[in-house]
């Protein structure tokens, strides 16, 4: 998974992978659970990801999803 950092913000753009039919949910969950405390994680998706949000919440990670355009959503969470 390609992760770019901007200070304490980890930026992951999964739009192309998901559009090709890939399902990197487990990779995301693993990355978030292993991220350093205080890391802000910004995940770009081609659609809302309610199942991913529910799984993040099940491991104690709250998130916010913002629509940024057609087929572009940003899910933001913080590793506490």
C-alpha atoms as a PDB file:
ATOM      1  CA  UNK A   1       0.000   0.000   0.000  1.00  0.00           C
ATOM      2  CA  UNK A   2       1.407   3.373  -1.008  1.00  0.00           C
ATOM      3  CA  UNK A   3       1.439   5.794   1.943  1.00  0.00           C
ATOM      4  CA  UNK A   4       2.658   9.372   1.666  1.00  0.00           C
ATOM      5  CA  UNK A   5       3.392  11.447   4.748  1.00  0.00           C
ATOM      6  CA  UNK A   6       2.861  15.145   5.267  1.00  0.00           C
ATOM      7  CA  UNK A   7       4.214  15.626   8.795  1.00  0.00           C
ATOM      8  CA  UNK A   8       2.047  13.539  11.127  1.00  0.00           C
ATOM      9  CA  UNK A   9      -0.553  12.960   8.381  1.00  0.00           C
ATOM     10  CA  UNK A  10      -0.479   9.658   6.514  1.00  0.00           C
ATOM     11  CA  UNK A  11      -2.196  10.002   3.126  1.00  0.00           C
ATOM     12  CA  UNK A  12      -3.445   6.871   1.384  1.00  0.00           C
ATOM     13  CA  UNK A  13      -5.153   7.143  -2.015  1.00  0.00           C
ATOM     14  CA  UNK A  14      -6.991   3.918  -2.816  1.00  0.00           C
ATOM     15  CA  UNK A  15      -9.302   5.193  -5.546  1.00  0.00           C
ATOM     16  CA  UNK A  16      -7.522   3.424  -8.415  1.00  0.00           C
ATOM     17  CA  UNK A  17      -7.119   0.131  -6.552  1.00  0.00           C
ATOM     18  CA  UNK A  18     -10.752   0.002  -5.484  1.00  0.00           C
ATOM     19  CA  UNK A  19     -11.947   1.044  -8.948  1.00  0.00           C
ATOM     20  CA  UNK A  20     -10.003  -1.957 -10.327  1.00  0.00           C
ATOM     21  CA  UNK A  21     -11.962  -4.252  -8.007  1.00  0.00           C
ATOM     22  CA  UNK A  22      -9.390  -4.631  -5.232  1.00  0.00           C
ATOM     23  CA  UNK A  23     -10.515  -4.708  -1.607  1.00  0.00           C
ATOM     24  CA  UNK A  24      -7.616  -3.460   0.579  1.00  0.00           C
ATOM     25  CA  UNK A  25      -9.733  -3.210   3.753  1.00  0.00           C
ATOM     26  CA  UNK A  26      -7.487  -5.554   5.766  1.00  0.00           C
ATOM     27  CA  UNK A  27      -4.392  -3.591   4.715  1.00  0.00           C
ATOM     28  CA  UNK A  28      -6.026  -0.381   5.907  1.00  0.00           C
ATOM     29  CA  UNK A  29      -7.076  -1.885   9.237  1.00  0.00           C
ATOM     30  CA  UNK A  30      -3.580  -3.260   9.784  1.00  0.00           C
ATOM     31  CA  UNK A  31      -1.961   0.082   8.901  1.00  0.00           C
ATOM     32  CA  UNK A  32      -4.267   2.048  11.206  1.00  0.00           C
ATOM     33  CA  UNK A  33      -3.814  -0.359  14.116  1.00  0.00           C
ATOM     34  CA  UNK A  34      -0.007  -0.213  13.751  1.00  0.00           C
ATOM     35  CA  UNK A  35       0.303   3.548  13.159  1.00  0.00           C
ATOM     36  CA  UNK A  36       2.069   5.644  15.770  1.00  0.00           C
ATOM     37  CA  UNK A  37      -0.120   7.347  18.347  1.00  0.00           C
ATOM     38  CA  UNK A  38      -1.174  10.784  17.120  1.00  0.00           C
ATOM     39  CA  UNK A  39      -0.976   9.893  13.432  1.00  0.00           C
ATOM     40  CA  UNK A  40      -3.765  11.445  11.378  1.00  0.00           C
ATOM     41  CA  UNK A  41      -4.766   9.056   8.597  1.00  0.00           C
ATOM     42  CA  UNK A  42      -6.382  10.430   5.439  1.00  0.00           C
ATOM     43  CA  UNK A  43      -7.801   7.737   3.148  1.00  0.00           C
ATOM     44  CA  UNK A  44      -9.083   8.679  -0.322  1.00  0.00           C
ATOM     45  CA  UNK A  45     -11.793   6.394  -1.701  1.00  0.00           C
ATOM     46  CA  UNK A  46     -14.032   6.292  -4.805  1.00  0.00           C
ATOM     47  CA  UNK A  47     -17.132   5.659  -2.665  1.00  0.00           C
ATOM     48  CA  UNK A  48     -18.371   5.870   0.905  1.00  0.00           C
ATOM     49  CA  UNK A  49     -16.990   2.973   2.886  1.00  0.00           C
ATOM     50  CA  UNK A  50     -19.537   2.249   5.607  1.00  0.00           C
ATOM     51  CA  UNK A  51     -18.175  -1.248   6.228  1.00  0.00           C
ATOM     52  CA  UNK A  52     -14.627   0.084   6.683  1.00  0.00           C
ATOM     53  CA  UNK A  53     -15.917   2.813   9.018  1.00  0.00           C
ATOM     54  CA  UNK A  54     -17.758   0.170  11.083  1.00  0.00           C
ATOM     55  CA  UNK A  55     -14.624  -1.986  11.286  1.00  0.00           C
ATOM     56  CA  UNK A  56     -12.514   1.001  12.333  1.00  0.00           C
ATOM     57  CA  UNK A  57     -15.056   1.792  15.041  1.00  0.00           C
ATOM     58  CA  UNK A  58     -14.933  -1.827  16.223  1.00  0.00           C
ATOM     59  CA  UNK A  59     -11.209  -1.360  17.004  1.00  0.00           C
ATOM     60  CA  UNK A  60     -11.837   1.974  18.736  1.00  0.00           C
ATOM     61  CA  UNK A  61     -11.010   4.344  15.856  1.00  0.00           C
ATOM     62  CA  UNK A  62     -13.547   7.082  15.120  1.00  0.00           C
ATOM     63  CA  UNK A  63     -13.587   8.546  11.633  1.00  0.00           C
ATOM     64  CA  UNK A  64     -15.213  11.231   9.519  1.00  0.00           C
ATOM     65  CA  UNK A  65     -16.018  10.881   5.819  1.00  0.00           C
ATOM     66  CA  UNK A  66     -16.203  13.929   3.548  1.00  0.00           C
ATOM     67  CA  UNK A  67     -17.318  13.973  -0.091  1.00  0.00           C
ATOM     68  CA  UNK A  68     -14.728  15.826  -2.175  1.00  0.00           C
ATOM     69  CA  UNK A  69     -16.203  15.336  -5.654  1.00  0.00           C
ATOM     70  CA  UNK A  70     -17.640  12.738  -7.985  1.00  0.00           C
ATOM     71  CA  UNK A  71     -16.280   9.346  -6.933  1.00  0.00           C
ATOM     72  CA  UNK A  72     -13.952  10.948  -4.391  1.00  0.00           C
ATOM     73  CA  UNK A  73     -14.436  10.617  -0.645  1.00  0.00           C
ATOM     74  CA  UNK A  74     -11.948  11.329   2.137  1.00  0.00           C
ATOM     75  CA  UNK A  75     -12.062   9.263   5.314  1.00  0.00           C
ATOM     76  CA  UNK A  76     -10.127  10.854   8.187  1.00  0.00           C
ATOM     77  CA  UNK A  77      -9.189   9.219  11.475  1.00  0.00           C
ATOM     78  CA  UNK A  78      -6.585   9.617  14.222  1.00  0.00           C
ATOM     79  CA  UNK A  79      -4.650   6.823  15.864  1.00  0.00           C
ATOM     80  CA  UNK A  80      -5.077   7.445  19.600  1.00  0.00           C
END
